[in-house]
N, C-alpha and C. Protein backbone atom coordinates (compact mmCIF):
# COMPACT_ATOMS: atom_id res chain seq x y z
N MET A 1 204.53 109.28 192.05
CA MET A 1 203.12 109.60 192.05
C MET A 1 202.43 108.82 190.94
N GLY A 2 201.39 108.07 191.32
CA GLY A 2 200.70 107.25 190.34
C GLY A 2 201.38 105.91 190.19
N LYS A 3 200.68 104.94 189.62
CA LYS A 3 201.23 103.61 189.47
C LYS A 3 202.39 103.59 188.49
N ASP A 4 202.31 104.37 187.42
CA ASP A 4 203.39 104.49 186.45
C ASP A 4 203.85 105.94 186.44
N PRO A 5 205.00 106.27 187.06
CA PRO A 5 205.41 107.67 187.18
C PRO A 5 205.75 108.34 185.85
N SER A 6 205.83 107.55 184.77
CA SER A 6 206.12 108.16 183.47
C SER A 6 204.88 108.70 182.78
N LEU A 7 203.69 108.33 183.28
CA LEU A 7 202.44 108.75 182.65
C LEU A 7 202.06 110.17 183.06
N PRO A 8 201.25 110.86 182.24
CA PRO A 8 200.77 112.19 182.63
C PRO A 8 200.04 112.13 183.96
N PHE A 9 200.41 113.05 184.85
CA PHE A 9 199.81 113.04 186.19
C PHE A 9 199.05 114.32 186.48
N LEU A 10 199.61 115.45 186.04
CA LEU A 10 198.92 116.72 186.19
C LEU A 10 199.09 117.50 184.89
N THR A 11 197.97 117.76 184.23
CA THR A 11 197.97 118.52 182.98
C THR A 11 197.25 119.84 183.24
N PHE A 12 197.94 120.93 182.95
CA PHE A 12 197.46 122.26 183.31
C PHE A 12 197.08 123.05 182.07
N TYR A 13 195.87 123.63 182.08
CA TYR A 13 195.40 124.50 181.02
C TYR A 13 195.07 125.87 181.60
N ASP A 14 195.49 126.91 180.90
CA ASP A 14 195.08 128.28 181.24
C ASP A 14 194.47 128.88 179.98
N ASP A 15 193.15 129.04 179.98
CA ASP A 15 192.48 129.54 178.78
C ASP A 15 192.70 131.03 178.57
N ALA A 16 193.25 131.74 179.56
CA ALA A 16 193.55 133.16 179.38
C ALA A 16 194.83 133.36 178.58
N THR A 17 195.76 132.40 178.68
CA THR A 17 197.05 132.52 178.00
C THR A 17 197.25 131.49 176.90
N GLY A 18 196.43 130.44 176.90
CA GLY A 18 196.61 129.35 175.95
C GLY A 18 197.64 128.32 176.39
N GLU A 19 198.13 128.44 177.60
CA GLU A 19 199.16 127.51 178.08
C GLU A 19 198.58 126.11 178.30
N ARG A 20 199.36 125.11 177.92
CA ARG A 20 199.11 123.73 178.30
C ARG A 20 200.44 123.14 178.75
N THR A 21 200.51 122.71 179.99
CA THR A 21 201.72 122.11 180.54
C THR A 21 201.36 120.75 181.12
N GLU A 22 202.12 119.75 180.73
CA GLU A 22 201.84 118.39 181.20
C GLU A 22 203.02 117.87 182.01
N LEU A 23 202.73 117.40 183.21
CA LEU A 23 203.75 116.84 184.08
C LEU A 23 203.46 115.37 184.33
N SER A 24 204.49 114.55 184.18
CA SER A 24 204.37 113.16 184.59
C SER A 24 204.43 113.07 186.10
N GLY A 25 204.10 111.89 186.63
CA GLY A 25 204.22 111.71 188.07
C GLY A 25 205.64 111.92 188.54
N ALA A 26 206.62 111.46 187.74
CA ALA A 26 208.02 111.60 188.12
C ALA A 26 208.45 113.07 188.13
N THR A 27 207.99 113.83 187.14
CA THR A 27 208.38 115.24 187.07
C THR A 27 207.79 116.03 188.23
N LEU A 28 206.51 115.81 188.51
CA LEU A 28 205.91 116.51 189.65
C LEU A 28 206.58 116.11 190.95
N ALA A 29 206.90 114.82 191.10
CA ALA A 29 207.57 114.37 192.32
C ALA A 29 208.92 115.05 192.50
N ASN A 30 209.63 115.32 191.39
CA ASN A 30 210.90 116.04 191.49
C ASN A 30 210.69 117.46 192.01
N TRP A 31 209.67 118.16 191.48
CA TRP A 31 209.38 119.51 191.95
C TRP A 31 208.99 119.49 193.43
N VAL A 32 208.22 118.50 193.83
CA VAL A 32 207.80 118.39 195.23
C VAL A 32 209.01 118.16 196.13
N SER A 33 209.89 117.24 195.72
CA SER A 33 211.08 116.96 196.52
C SER A 33 211.99 118.18 196.62
N LYS A 34 212.18 118.88 195.50
CA LYS A 34 213.00 120.08 195.52
C LYS A 34 212.42 121.12 196.48
N THR A 35 211.10 121.26 196.47
CA THR A 35 210.45 122.23 197.36
C THR A 35 210.62 121.83 198.82
N ALA A 36 210.43 120.55 199.12
CA ALA A 36 210.62 120.08 200.49
C ALA A 36 212.05 120.30 200.95
N ASN A 37 213.02 120.02 200.07
CA ASN A 37 214.43 120.24 200.43
C ASN A 37 214.74 121.72 200.60
N LEU A 38 214.13 122.57 199.77
CA LEU A 38 214.28 124.02 199.95
C LEU A 38 213.82 124.44 201.34
N LEU A 39 212.68 123.92 201.75
CA LEU A 39 212.12 124.31 203.05
C LEU A 39 212.96 123.79 204.21
N VAL A 40 213.40 122.54 204.10
CA VAL A 40 214.12 121.91 205.21
C VAL A 40 215.58 122.35 205.23
N ASP A 41 216.27 122.18 204.10
CA ASP A 41 217.71 122.48 204.06
C ASP A 41 217.99 123.95 203.82
N GLY A 42 217.13 124.60 203.02
CA GLY A 42 217.36 126.00 202.71
C GLY A 42 216.86 126.96 203.76
N CYS A 43 215.69 126.63 204.33
CA CYS A 43 215.06 127.54 205.31
C CYS A 43 215.15 127.04 206.75
N GLY A 44 215.55 125.78 206.93
CA GLY A 44 215.63 125.23 208.28
C GLY A 44 214.29 124.99 208.93
N LEU A 45 213.27 124.69 208.12
CA LEU A 45 211.92 124.50 208.64
C LEU A 45 211.54 123.03 208.67
N GLY A 46 210.43 122.74 209.34
CA GLY A 46 209.96 121.37 209.43
C GLY A 46 208.64 121.30 210.16
N SER A 47 208.38 120.18 210.77
CA SER A 47 207.11 119.92 211.43
C SER A 47 206.79 121.01 212.45
N GLY A 48 205.55 121.52 212.38
CA GLY A 48 205.10 122.57 213.29
C GLY A 48 205.23 123.97 212.73
N ASP A 49 206.00 124.12 211.63
CA ASP A 49 206.12 125.43 211.01
C ASP A 49 205.00 125.64 210.00
N VAL A 50 204.81 126.90 209.59
CA VAL A 50 203.67 127.27 208.75
C VAL A 50 204.15 127.93 207.47
N ALA A 51 203.59 127.48 206.34
CA ALA A 51 203.84 128.11 205.05
C ALA A 51 202.60 128.88 204.63
N ALA A 52 202.77 130.17 204.37
CA ALA A 52 201.70 130.97 203.79
C ALA A 52 201.79 130.83 202.27
N VAL A 53 200.69 130.41 201.65
CA VAL A 53 200.68 130.18 200.20
C VAL A 53 199.63 131.11 199.59
N ARG A 54 200.09 132.12 198.90
CA ARG A 54 199.21 133.14 198.30
C ARG A 54 199.32 133.02 196.78
N LEU A 55 198.82 131.90 196.29
CA LEU A 55 198.95 131.55 194.88
C LEU A 55 197.62 131.07 194.32
N PRO A 56 197.38 131.28 193.04
CA PRO A 56 196.17 130.73 192.42
C PRO A 56 196.36 129.25 192.09
N ALA A 57 195.30 128.61 191.68
CA ALA A 57 195.40 127.23 191.20
C ALA A 57 196.36 127.19 190.02
N HIS A 58 197.38 126.34 190.10
CA HIS A 58 198.43 126.28 189.08
C HIS A 58 199.26 125.03 189.36
N TRP A 59 199.94 124.54 188.32
CA TRP A 59 200.76 123.36 188.57
C TRP A 59 201.93 123.66 189.51
N GLN A 60 202.47 124.88 189.47
CA GLN A 60 203.53 125.22 190.41
C GLN A 60 202.99 125.34 191.83
N THR A 61 201.76 125.78 191.97
CA THR A 61 201.13 125.82 193.29
C THR A 61 201.01 124.42 193.85
N ALA A 62 200.68 123.45 192.99
CA ALA A 62 200.63 122.05 193.43
C ALA A 62 201.98 121.60 193.99
N ALA A 63 203.08 121.99 193.31
CA ALA A 63 204.41 121.62 193.78
C ALA A 63 204.72 122.25 195.13
N VAL A 64 204.34 123.52 195.30
CA VAL A 64 204.58 124.22 196.56
C VAL A 64 203.78 123.58 197.69
N LEU A 65 202.50 123.36 197.46
CA LEU A 65 201.65 122.78 198.51
C LEU A 65 202.12 121.39 198.90
N LEU A 66 202.33 120.53 197.91
CA LEU A 66 202.75 119.16 198.21
C LEU A 66 204.14 119.14 198.84
N GLY A 67 205.01 120.06 198.41
CA GLY A 67 206.33 120.14 199.03
C GLY A 67 206.26 120.56 200.48
N ALA A 68 205.39 121.53 200.78
CA ALA A 68 205.23 121.97 202.17
C ALA A 68 204.67 120.86 203.05
N TRP A 69 203.64 120.18 202.56
CA TRP A 69 203.06 119.07 203.34
C TRP A 69 204.06 117.94 203.50
N THR A 70 204.83 117.65 202.45
CA THR A 70 205.84 116.60 202.52
C THR A 70 206.87 116.90 203.60
N ALA A 71 207.26 118.17 203.70
CA ALA A 71 208.26 118.58 204.69
C ALA A 71 207.69 118.71 206.09
N GLY A 72 206.39 118.47 206.26
CA GLY A 72 205.77 118.50 207.58
C GLY A 72 205.19 119.83 207.98
N LEU A 73 205.19 120.81 207.08
CA LEU A 73 204.63 122.12 207.42
C LEU A 73 203.11 122.09 207.28
N SER A 74 202.45 122.96 208.01
CA SER A 74 201.04 123.23 207.77
C SER A 74 200.95 124.41 206.82
N VAL A 75 199.81 124.53 206.14
CA VAL A 75 199.66 125.54 205.09
C VAL A 75 198.52 126.48 205.43
N ALA A 76 198.80 127.78 205.34
CA ALA A 76 197.76 128.80 205.41
C ALA A 76 197.57 129.29 203.98
N TYR A 77 196.46 128.87 203.36
CA TYR A 77 196.26 129.14 201.95
C TYR A 77 195.37 130.35 201.74
N GLY A 78 195.83 131.27 200.89
CA GLY A 78 194.98 132.39 200.50
C GLY A 78 194.85 133.49 201.52
N GLU A 79 195.67 133.46 202.57
CA GLU A 79 195.61 134.54 203.56
C GLU A 79 196.11 135.84 202.93
N PRO A 80 195.64 137.01 203.40
CA PRO A 80 196.02 138.26 202.76
C PRO A 80 197.49 138.62 202.87
N THR A 81 198.19 138.17 203.90
CA THR A 81 199.63 138.40 204.02
C THR A 81 200.26 137.16 204.62
N GLY A 82 201.59 137.14 204.62
CA GLY A 82 202.32 136.03 205.21
C GLY A 82 202.68 136.26 206.67
N ALA A 83 202.14 137.30 207.28
CA ALA A 83 202.46 137.61 208.67
C ALA A 83 202.06 136.43 209.56
N GLY A 84 202.95 136.06 210.47
CA GLY A 84 202.70 134.96 211.37
C GLY A 84 203.14 133.62 210.83
N ALA A 85 203.51 133.56 209.54
CA ALA A 85 204.01 132.32 208.94
C ALA A 85 205.53 132.28 209.03
N ASP A 86 206.09 131.10 208.78
CA ASP A 86 207.54 130.92 208.82
C ASP A 86 208.18 131.03 207.44
N VAL A 87 207.36 130.88 206.40
CA VAL A 87 207.81 131.02 205.03
C VAL A 87 206.59 131.42 204.20
N GLU A 88 206.84 132.14 203.12
CA GLU A 88 205.73 132.60 202.29
C GLU A 88 206.03 132.34 200.82
N PHE A 89 205.01 131.90 200.09
CA PHE A 89 205.06 131.75 198.63
C PHE A 89 203.94 132.61 198.06
N ALA A 90 204.28 133.51 197.13
CA ALA A 90 203.28 134.45 196.64
C ALA A 90 203.42 134.63 195.13
N SER A 91 202.29 134.89 194.48
CA SER A 91 202.32 135.32 193.09
C SER A 91 202.91 136.72 193.02
N LEU A 92 203.27 137.16 191.83
CA LEU A 92 203.83 138.50 191.68
C LEU A 92 202.84 139.56 192.14
N THR A 93 201.57 139.39 191.80
CA THR A 93 200.55 140.36 192.22
C THR A 93 200.42 140.39 193.73
N ALA A 94 200.37 139.20 194.35
CA ALA A 94 200.25 139.14 195.81
C ALA A 94 201.48 139.71 196.49
N ALA A 95 202.67 139.46 195.92
CA ALA A 95 203.90 139.97 196.52
C ALA A 95 203.95 141.49 196.50
N GLU A 96 203.39 142.07 195.45
CA GLU A 96 203.45 143.53 195.31
C GLU A 96 202.40 144.24 196.16
N THR A 97 201.42 143.51 196.65
CA THR A 97 200.34 144.15 197.41
C THR A 97 200.31 143.74 198.88
N GLY A 98 201.11 142.77 199.28
CA GLY A 98 201.05 142.26 200.64
C GLY A 98 201.82 143.11 201.63
N ALA A 99 201.56 142.86 202.90
CA ALA A 99 202.27 143.50 203.99
C ALA A 99 203.55 142.73 204.29
N PRO A 100 204.44 143.27 205.13
CA PRO A 100 205.66 142.54 205.49
C PRO A 100 205.35 141.16 206.05
N GLY A 101 206.21 140.20 205.73
CA GLY A 101 205.99 138.82 206.15
C GLY A 101 207.23 138.21 206.76
N PRO A 102 207.39 136.89 206.66
CA PRO A 102 208.53 136.21 207.28
C PRO A 102 209.83 136.51 206.55
N ALA A 103 210.94 136.04 207.12
CA ALA A 103 212.25 136.29 206.53
C ALA A 103 212.41 135.58 205.19
N ASP A 104 211.87 134.36 205.10
CA ASP A 104 211.98 133.58 203.87
C ASP A 104 210.71 133.76 203.04
N ARG A 105 210.85 134.44 201.91
CA ARG A 105 209.69 134.74 201.06
C ARG A 105 210.07 134.46 199.61
N TYR A 106 209.19 133.76 198.91
CA TYR A 106 209.45 133.38 197.52
C TYR A 106 208.31 133.85 196.63
N VAL A 107 208.67 134.42 195.49
CA VAL A 107 207.68 134.88 194.53
C VAL A 107 207.68 133.93 193.34
N LEU A 108 206.51 133.67 192.79
CA LEU A 108 206.36 132.80 191.64
C LEU A 108 205.79 133.61 190.48
N GLY A 109 206.53 133.65 189.38
CA GLY A 109 206.04 134.32 188.19
C GLY A 109 205.03 133.49 187.42
N LEU A 110 204.97 132.18 187.72
CA LEU A 110 204.01 131.25 187.09
C LEU A 110 204.14 131.26 185.57
N ALA A 111 205.38 131.33 185.10
CA ALA A 111 205.64 131.35 183.67
C ALA A 111 205.52 129.95 183.08
N PRO A 112 205.14 129.85 181.81
CA PRO A 112 205.11 128.54 181.15
C PRO A 112 206.48 127.86 181.21
N MET A 113 206.47 126.54 181.26
CA MET A 113 207.70 125.73 181.28
C MET A 113 208.50 125.92 182.56
N GLY A 114 207.92 126.54 183.57
CA GLY A 114 208.63 126.73 184.82
C GLY A 114 209.87 127.59 184.69
N LEU A 115 209.80 128.62 183.83
CA LEU A 115 210.95 129.50 183.63
C LEU A 115 211.09 130.47 184.80
N PRO A 116 212.33 130.87 185.11
CA PRO A 116 212.52 131.89 186.14
C PRO A 116 211.88 133.20 185.72
N MET A 117 211.71 134.09 186.67
CA MET A 117 211.11 135.39 186.40
C MET A 117 212.02 136.24 185.53
N ARG A 118 211.41 137.02 184.66
CA ARG A 118 212.13 138.02 183.89
C ARG A 118 211.90 139.38 184.54
N GLY A 119 212.92 140.19 184.57
CA GLY A 119 212.77 141.48 185.21
C GLY A 119 213.05 141.39 186.70
N GLY A 120 212.66 142.43 187.41
CA GLY A 120 212.98 142.52 188.82
C GLY A 120 212.11 141.65 189.70
N VAL A 121 212.66 141.24 190.82
CA VAL A 121 211.96 140.49 191.86
C VAL A 121 211.60 141.48 192.96
N PRO A 122 210.36 141.45 193.48
CA PRO A 122 209.98 142.39 194.53
C PRO A 122 210.93 142.34 195.72
N ASP A 123 211.14 143.48 196.34
CA ASP A 123 212.02 143.58 197.51
C ASP A 123 211.57 142.60 198.59
N GLY A 124 212.53 141.90 199.17
CA GLY A 124 212.24 140.98 200.26
C GLY A 124 211.90 139.57 199.80
N PHE A 125 211.83 139.36 198.48
CA PHE A 125 211.48 138.05 197.93
C PHE A 125 212.64 137.48 197.11
N ALA A 126 212.66 136.16 196.99
CA ALA A 126 213.55 135.46 196.07
C ALA A 126 212.69 134.75 195.03
N ASP A 127 213.25 134.52 193.86
CA ASP A 127 212.54 133.84 192.78
C ASP A 127 212.49 132.34 193.10
N TYR A 128 211.30 131.84 193.35
CA TYR A 128 211.12 130.43 193.72
C TYR A 128 211.76 129.49 192.72
N VAL A 129 211.51 129.69 191.44
CA VAL A 129 212.01 128.76 190.42
C VAL A 129 213.53 128.74 190.41
N ALA A 130 214.16 129.91 190.47
CA ALA A 130 215.61 129.98 190.47
C ALA A 130 216.20 129.32 191.72
N GLU A 131 215.54 129.50 192.85
CA GLU A 131 216.06 128.95 194.11
C GLU A 131 215.83 127.45 194.22
N VAL A 132 214.64 126.98 193.85
CA VAL A 132 214.29 125.59 194.10
C VAL A 132 215.10 124.64 193.24
N ARG A 133 215.54 125.10 192.08
CA ARG A 133 216.30 124.23 191.17
C ARG A 133 217.67 123.86 191.72
N GLN A 134 218.12 124.55 192.75
CA GLN A 134 219.42 124.24 193.35
C GLN A 134 219.35 123.05 194.28
N PHE A 135 218.15 122.57 194.59
CA PHE A 135 217.99 121.52 195.58
C PHE A 135 217.71 120.17 194.91
N GLY A 136 217.94 119.10 195.69
CA GLY A 136 217.91 117.76 195.16
C GLY A 136 216.52 117.26 194.76
N ASP A 137 216.53 116.29 193.82
CA ASP A 137 215.29 115.70 193.31
C ASP A 137 214.71 114.64 194.23
N HIS A 138 215.44 114.28 195.26
CA HIS A 138 214.96 113.26 196.21
C HIS A 138 214.91 113.85 197.60
N TYR A 139 213.75 113.69 198.25
CA TYR A 139 213.60 114.16 199.63
C TYR A 139 213.72 112.96 200.56
N PRO A 140 214.70 112.95 201.47
CA PRO A 140 214.95 111.77 202.28
C PRO A 140 213.95 111.54 203.41
N GLY A 141 213.11 112.54 203.71
CA GLY A 141 212.13 112.36 204.77
C GLY A 141 212.62 112.91 206.09
N PRO A 142 211.83 112.76 207.16
CA PRO A 142 210.50 112.12 207.19
C PRO A 142 209.45 112.91 206.42
N VAL A 143 208.40 112.21 206.02
CA VAL A 143 207.38 112.79 205.16
C VAL A 143 206.12 113.10 205.97
N GLY A 144 205.59 114.32 205.78
CA GLY A 144 204.31 114.68 206.39
C GLY A 144 204.44 115.06 207.84
N GLY A 145 203.34 115.59 208.35
CA GLY A 145 203.32 116.03 209.73
C GLY A 145 201.91 116.09 210.26
N ALA A 146 201.75 116.76 211.38
CA ALA A 146 200.45 116.85 212.02
C ALA A 146 199.46 117.55 211.09
N GLY A 147 198.26 116.99 211.01
CA GLY A 147 197.22 117.58 210.20
C GLY A 147 197.09 117.00 208.80
N THR A 148 198.11 116.25 208.35
CA THR A 148 198.07 115.70 207.00
C THR A 148 196.95 114.67 206.86
N GLU A 149 196.82 113.80 207.84
CA GLU A 149 195.77 112.77 207.77
C GLU A 149 194.38 113.40 207.75
N GLU A 150 194.20 114.45 208.53
CA GLU A 150 192.90 115.14 208.55
C GLU A 150 192.60 115.77 207.19
N LEU A 151 193.61 116.31 206.57
CA LEU A 151 193.46 116.91 205.24
C LEU A 151 193.03 115.85 204.23
N VAL A 152 193.66 114.70 204.28
CA VAL A 152 193.31 113.62 203.34
C VAL A 152 191.90 113.11 203.60
N GLU A 153 191.51 113.02 204.86
CA GLU A 153 190.15 112.58 205.18
C GLU A 153 189.11 113.56 204.65
N ARG A 154 189.39 114.85 204.76
CA ARG A 154 188.49 115.87 204.19
C ARG A 154 188.36 115.68 202.69
N ALA A 155 189.48 115.39 202.06
CA ALA A 155 189.48 115.21 200.61
C ALA A 155 188.71 113.95 200.22
N ARG A 156 188.90 112.88 200.93
CA ARG A 156 188.21 111.62 200.60
C ARG A 156 186.71 111.75 200.78
N ALA A 157 186.29 112.60 201.72
CA ALA A 157 184.86 112.78 201.96
C ALA A 157 184.16 113.41 200.77
N LEU A 158 184.91 114.04 199.86
CA LEU A 158 184.31 114.63 198.67
C LEU A 158 183.90 113.57 197.65
N GLY A 159 184.44 112.38 197.79
CA GLY A 159 183.99 111.26 196.96
C GLY A 159 184.39 111.33 195.50
N TYR A 160 185.57 111.86 195.20
CA TYR A 160 186.01 111.93 193.81
C TYR A 160 186.27 110.52 193.27
N PRO A 161 186.07 110.32 191.97
CA PRO A 161 186.33 109.01 191.39
C PRO A 161 187.82 108.83 191.08
N ALA A 162 188.23 107.58 190.90
CA ALA A 162 189.57 107.30 190.41
C ALA A 162 189.57 107.53 188.90
N GLY A 163 190.69 107.31 188.26
CA GLY A 163 190.78 107.50 186.83
C GLY A 163 191.49 108.79 186.50
N ARG A 164 190.87 109.58 185.65
CA ARG A 164 191.44 110.87 185.24
C ARG A 164 190.34 111.91 185.32
N VAL A 165 190.53 112.94 186.12
CA VAL A 165 189.47 113.91 186.34
C VAL A 165 189.87 115.28 185.82
N LEU A 166 188.94 115.95 185.17
CA LEU A 166 189.12 117.34 184.76
C LEU A 166 188.47 118.22 185.81
N VAL A 167 189.26 119.10 186.42
CA VAL A 167 188.77 119.97 187.48
C VAL A 167 188.81 121.41 187.00
N ASP A 168 187.65 122.05 186.99
CA ASP A 168 187.55 123.47 186.64
C ASP A 168 187.83 124.28 187.90
N ALA A 169 188.97 124.99 187.92
CA ALA A 169 189.34 125.74 189.11
C ALA A 169 188.44 126.92 189.37
N VAL A 170 187.68 127.36 188.36
CA VAL A 170 186.70 128.41 188.60
C VAL A 170 185.64 127.93 189.58
N ALA A 171 185.23 126.68 189.42
CA ALA A 171 184.21 126.10 190.31
C ALA A 171 184.82 125.51 191.57
N HIS A 172 186.10 125.15 191.51
CA HIS A 172 186.75 124.47 192.65
C HIS A 172 188.09 125.13 192.96
N PRO A 173 188.08 126.34 193.52
CA PRO A 173 189.34 127.06 193.77
C PRO A 173 190.13 126.55 194.97
N ASP A 174 189.49 125.81 195.86
CA ASP A 174 190.15 125.30 197.06
C ASP A 174 191.09 124.16 196.66
N PRO A 175 192.36 124.19 197.07
CA PRO A 175 193.28 123.11 196.69
C PRO A 175 192.89 121.75 197.23
N VAL A 176 192.09 121.71 198.29
CA VAL A 176 191.57 120.41 198.73
C VAL A 176 190.73 119.79 197.63
N GLU A 177 190.03 120.64 196.86
CA GLU A 177 189.15 120.16 195.80
C GLU A 177 189.88 119.88 194.50
N TRP A 178 190.81 120.78 194.09
CA TRP A 178 191.45 120.58 192.79
C TRP A 178 192.72 119.76 192.86
N LEU A 179 193.26 119.54 194.05
CA LEU A 179 194.52 118.82 194.18
C LEU A 179 194.43 117.60 195.10
N VAL A 180 194.07 117.83 196.36
CA VAL A 180 194.15 116.74 197.34
C VAL A 180 193.10 115.67 197.08
N ALA A 181 191.88 116.07 196.76
CA ALA A 181 190.82 115.08 196.54
C ALA A 181 191.13 114.15 195.37
N PRO A 182 191.58 114.65 194.21
CA PRO A 182 191.98 113.71 193.16
C PRO A 182 193.11 112.78 193.59
N LEU A 183 194.11 113.32 194.29
CA LEU A 183 195.21 112.48 194.76
C LEU A 183 194.72 111.41 195.71
N ALA A 184 193.83 111.78 196.63
CA ALA A 184 193.31 110.81 197.60
C ALA A 184 192.51 109.72 196.92
N ALA A 185 191.91 110.03 195.77
CA ALA A 185 191.13 109.03 195.02
C ALA A 185 192.00 108.20 194.08
N GLY A 186 193.28 108.55 193.97
CA GLY A 186 194.16 107.84 193.03
C GLY A 186 193.97 108.29 191.60
N ALA A 187 193.47 109.49 191.39
CA ALA A 187 193.19 110.00 190.05
C ALA A 187 194.33 110.88 189.56
N SER A 188 194.51 110.93 188.25
CA SER A 188 195.36 111.94 187.65
C SER A 188 194.49 113.15 187.34
N ILE A 189 195.13 114.32 187.15
CA ILE A 189 194.41 115.59 187.15
C ILE A 189 194.60 116.35 185.85
N VAL A 190 193.50 116.86 185.33
CA VAL A 190 193.53 117.88 184.29
C VAL A 190 192.97 119.14 184.95
N LEU A 191 193.83 120.11 185.20
CA LEU A 191 193.45 121.33 185.92
C LEU A 191 193.24 122.45 184.92
N SER A 192 192.05 123.02 184.90
CA SER A 192 191.71 124.09 183.97
C SER A 192 191.45 125.37 184.74
N VAL A 193 192.19 126.44 184.40
CA VAL A 193 191.99 127.73 185.05
C VAL A 193 191.56 128.76 184.01
N ASN A 194 190.91 129.81 184.52
CA ASN A 194 190.34 130.83 183.61
C ASN A 194 189.55 130.16 182.49
N SER A 195 188.76 129.19 182.89
CA SER A 195 188.19 128.24 181.93
C SER A 195 187.18 128.86 180.97
N ASP A 196 187.35 128.54 179.69
CA ASP A 196 186.34 128.79 178.67
C ASP A 196 185.39 127.60 178.72
N GLN A 197 184.19 127.83 179.24
CA GLN A 197 183.25 126.73 179.48
C GLN A 197 182.93 125.97 178.20
N ALA A 198 183.01 126.65 177.06
CA ALA A 198 182.70 125.99 175.79
C ALA A 198 183.76 124.97 175.40
N LYS A 199 184.93 125.05 176.01
CA LYS A 199 186.02 124.15 175.65
C LYS A 199 186.11 122.91 176.55
N LEU A 200 185.41 122.93 177.67
CA LEU A 200 185.63 121.88 178.67
C LEU A 200 185.23 120.50 178.19
N GLU A 201 184.11 120.39 177.47
CA GLU A 201 183.66 119.08 177.02
C GLU A 201 184.67 118.45 176.06
N GLN A 202 185.13 119.24 175.09
CA GLN A 202 186.12 118.73 174.14
C GLN A 202 187.44 118.44 174.83
N ARG A 203 187.81 119.28 175.80
CA ARG A 203 189.04 119.05 176.54
C ARG A 203 188.98 117.74 177.31
N ALA A 204 187.85 117.48 177.93
CA ALA A 204 187.69 116.22 178.66
C ALA A 204 187.85 115.03 177.72
N ALA A 205 187.30 115.15 176.52
CA ALA A 205 187.41 114.05 175.56
C ALA A 205 188.85 113.86 175.08
N SER A 206 189.52 114.96 174.75
CA SER A 206 190.89 114.86 174.24
C SER A 206 191.86 114.37 175.29
N GLU A 207 191.59 114.68 176.57
CA GLU A 207 192.45 114.24 177.66
C GLU A 207 192.01 112.90 178.25
N GLN A 208 190.99 112.32 177.67
CA GLN A 208 190.44 111.02 178.13
C GLN A 208 190.08 111.07 179.61
N ALA A 209 189.49 112.19 180.02
CA ALA A 209 189.03 112.33 181.38
C ALA A 209 187.77 111.49 181.60
N THR A 210 187.71 110.82 182.72
CA THR A 210 186.54 109.99 183.04
C THR A 210 185.50 110.73 183.86
N ALA A 211 185.85 111.94 184.32
CA ALA A 211 184.90 112.75 185.08
C ALA A 211 185.27 114.21 184.92
N VAL A 212 184.25 115.08 184.92
CA VAL A 212 184.44 116.53 184.86
C VAL A 212 183.84 117.13 186.13
N LEU A 213 184.64 117.91 186.85
CA LEU A 213 184.20 118.45 188.14
C LEU A 213 184.24 119.97 188.13
């Protein structure tokens, strides 16, 4: 991902917790490949299958979404339950409040540094971080499936600039806006959640962002 995979590609800020996590293109690509391999080799899924993603804007959500699209799945984002999907990825809050879903269900604690969950995992779910790390860093393909080109065209229509963009997830909660559109423009991402608006200008300067969205 990106012309130089060693450079920062997705930098994540959470102003509610003080977290800052920076992923290079190579690191994010590894998470994406592991997720795609989990779906294909672990769950037996592929083109035509559906992933329900009940997660907030987060760097791990980026890995899940890109991994699902890479493996050829379509994504139902933000639906109230995973019913009707072939696999589900949920935050701990969503997992504890949702209705029964597919056989393969993964919960994300969204802990800093991509740590596995501490404490119990909700019934019917597996810990995404613990499971995905068992799979390979390279996804052999094929890559993508039906609907991917349409998704990219929607993202390109937003007209994001290249360079490095700071995206406030409060204003842009849709992953097409905070994830796909920057990727389609060839931009690296600074993703800010639970944003303290007073910090965004300085954050853009310190991260050398060329645009704030």
